[in-house]
Amino acid sequence: MRIKEHPILNFEKGRKVKFYYNGQELEGYEGETIAAALHANGIRGMRESIRMHRPRGLFCNIGNCSSCLMIVNGKPNTRVCVEKLKEGMVVETQRGKGELK
């Protein structure tokens, strides 16, 4: 599920790290975006829409929209398309507006 070669871009991988998504341990590469790591692990839905509760996935992938808002290390409304992955991060699906706990 990961792009390995590209005619223009060069993908440099960081070290392999473990992180947690909704309680499940997954692996990704340090420094890649959380969204890229989730996508590589087969996860397409990032959040639910506020009114209709429909799944939302990546849309702009540059931090301008709100389709990828998730809870990261307890902080809601994190744009995972631009947030870099680090060892041990806890990522959770956000439902609704993302209330602080």
Protein backbone atom coordinates (compact mmCIF):
# COMPACT_ATOMS: atom_id res chain seq x y z
CA MET A 1 0.00 0.00 0.00
CA ARG A 2 3.04 2.27 -0.01
CA ILE A 3 4.51 4.13 -3.00
CA LYS A 4 8.10 2.99 -3.28
CA GLU A 5 9.22 4.70 -6.47
CA HIS A 6 8.14 7.95 -8.06
CA PRO A 7 9.47 9.68 -11.21
CA ILE A 8 9.86 13.06 -9.44
CA LEU A 9 9.76 12.58 -5.67
CA ASN A 10 12.34 10.85 -3.51
CA PHE A 11 10.97 9.00 -0.48
CA GLU A 12 13.43 8.74 2.38
CA LYS A 13 12.30 6.42 5.15
CA GLY A 14 12.99 7.03 8.80
CA ARG A 15 13.35 4.17 11.25
CA LYS A 16 10.43 1.80 11.69
CA VAL A 17 8.29 2.73 14.71
CA LYS A 18 5.21 1.38 16.47
CA PHE A 19 2.12 3.47 17.07
CA TYR A 20 -1.43 2.78 18.18
CA TYR A 21 -4.63 3.30 16.22
CA ASN A 22 -7.88 2.77 18.16
CA GLY A 23 -6.02 0.42 20.50
CA GLN A 24 -4.38 -1.61 17.71
CA GLU A 25 -0.59 -1.63 17.42
CA LEU A 26 0.63 -0.69 13.94
CA GLU A 27 3.97 0.13 12.32
CA GLY A 28 5.07 3.08 10.25
CA TYR A 29 8.18 5.09 9.51
CA GLU A 30 9.29 7.94 11.73
CA GLY A 31 8.87 11.28 9.98
CA GLU A 32 6.18 10.22 7.51
CA THR A 33 2.74 11.67 8.09
CA ILE A 34 0.32 9.82 10.33
CA ALA A 35 -2.09 9.66 7.38
CA ALA A 36 0.54 7.95 5.20
CA ALA A 37 1.22 5.38 7.92
CA LEU A 38 -2.51 4.70 8.36
CA HIS A 39 -2.99 4.40 4.60
CA ALA A 40 -0.07 1.96 4.35
CA ASN A 41 -1.80 -0.15 7.03
CA GLY A 42 -5.04 -0.24 5.01
CA ILE A 43 -6.93 2.39 7.02
CA ARG A 44 -8.86 4.80 4.81
CA GLY A 45 -11.42 6.40 7.18
CA MET A 46 -9.97 9.18 9.31
CA ARG A 47 -13.07 10.58 11.01
CA GLU A 48 -16.87 10.80 10.84
CA SER A 49 -18.79 13.78 9.51
CA ILE A 50 -20.45 15.83 12.23
CA ARG A 51 -24.06 15.73 11.01
CA MET A 52 -24.44 12.57 8.94
CA HIS A 53 -21.80 10.43 10.72
CA ARG A 54 -20.36 9.33 7.39
CA PRO A 55 -16.72 8.28 7.11
CA ARG A 56 -14.23 10.85 5.85
CA GLY A 57 -10.85 10.01 4.38
CA LEU A 58 -8.01 11.99 2.87
CA PHE A 59 -9.08 14.83 0.63
CA CYS A 60 -6.61 17.69 0.21
CA ASN A 61 -3.64 16.04 1.97
CA ILE A 62 -2.03 19.45 2.61
CA GLY A 63 -3.75 20.51 5.85
CA ASN A 64 -6.38 22.85 4.35
CA CYS A 65 -9.57 20.83 4.80
CA SER A 66 -10.94 19.03 7.84
CA SER A 67 -11.38 15.52 6.43
CA CYS A 68 -8.41 14.04 8.29
CA LEU A 69 -9.05 15.41 11.80
CA MET A 70 -8.21 12.79 14.42
CA ILE A 71 -7.34 12.61 18.10
CA VAL A 72 -3.56 12.29 18.52
CA ASN A 73 -2.10 11.71 21.99
CA GLY A 74 -5.38 12.97 23.47
CA LYS A 75 -5.47 16.17 21.38
CA PRO A 76 -8.56 16.43 19.13
CA ASN A 77 -8.71 18.14 15.73
CA THR A 78 -5.20 17.13 14.69
CA ARG A 79 -4.68 17.19 10.92
CA VAL A 80 -2.97 13.84 10.42
CA CYS A 81 -2.15 14.58 6.77
CA VAL A 82 0.59 16.98 7.94
CA GLU A 83 1.40 15.68 11.46
CA LYS A 84 4.60 13.60 11.52
CA LEU A 85 4.60 10.10 13.01
CA LYS A 86 6.65 9.44 16.14
CA GLU A 87 7.28 6.32 18.21
CA GLY A 88 4.40 5.38 20.53
CA MET A 89 1.82 7.88 19.25
CA VAL A 90 -1.79 7.12 20.14
CA VAL A 91 -4.16 7.91 17.26
CA GLU A 92 -7.93 7.65 17.59
CA THR A 93 -10.86 8.13 15.25
CA GLN A 94 -12.60 11.43 15.95
CA ARG A 95 -16.38 11.44 16.11
CA GLY A 96 -18.16 14.76 16.08
CA LYS A 97 -16.40 18.03 16.86
CA GLY A 98 -13.57 16.57 18.89
CA GLU A 99 -14.26 17.55 22.48
CA LEU A 100 -11.37 17.81 24.94
CA LYS A 101 -11.46 15.06 27.58
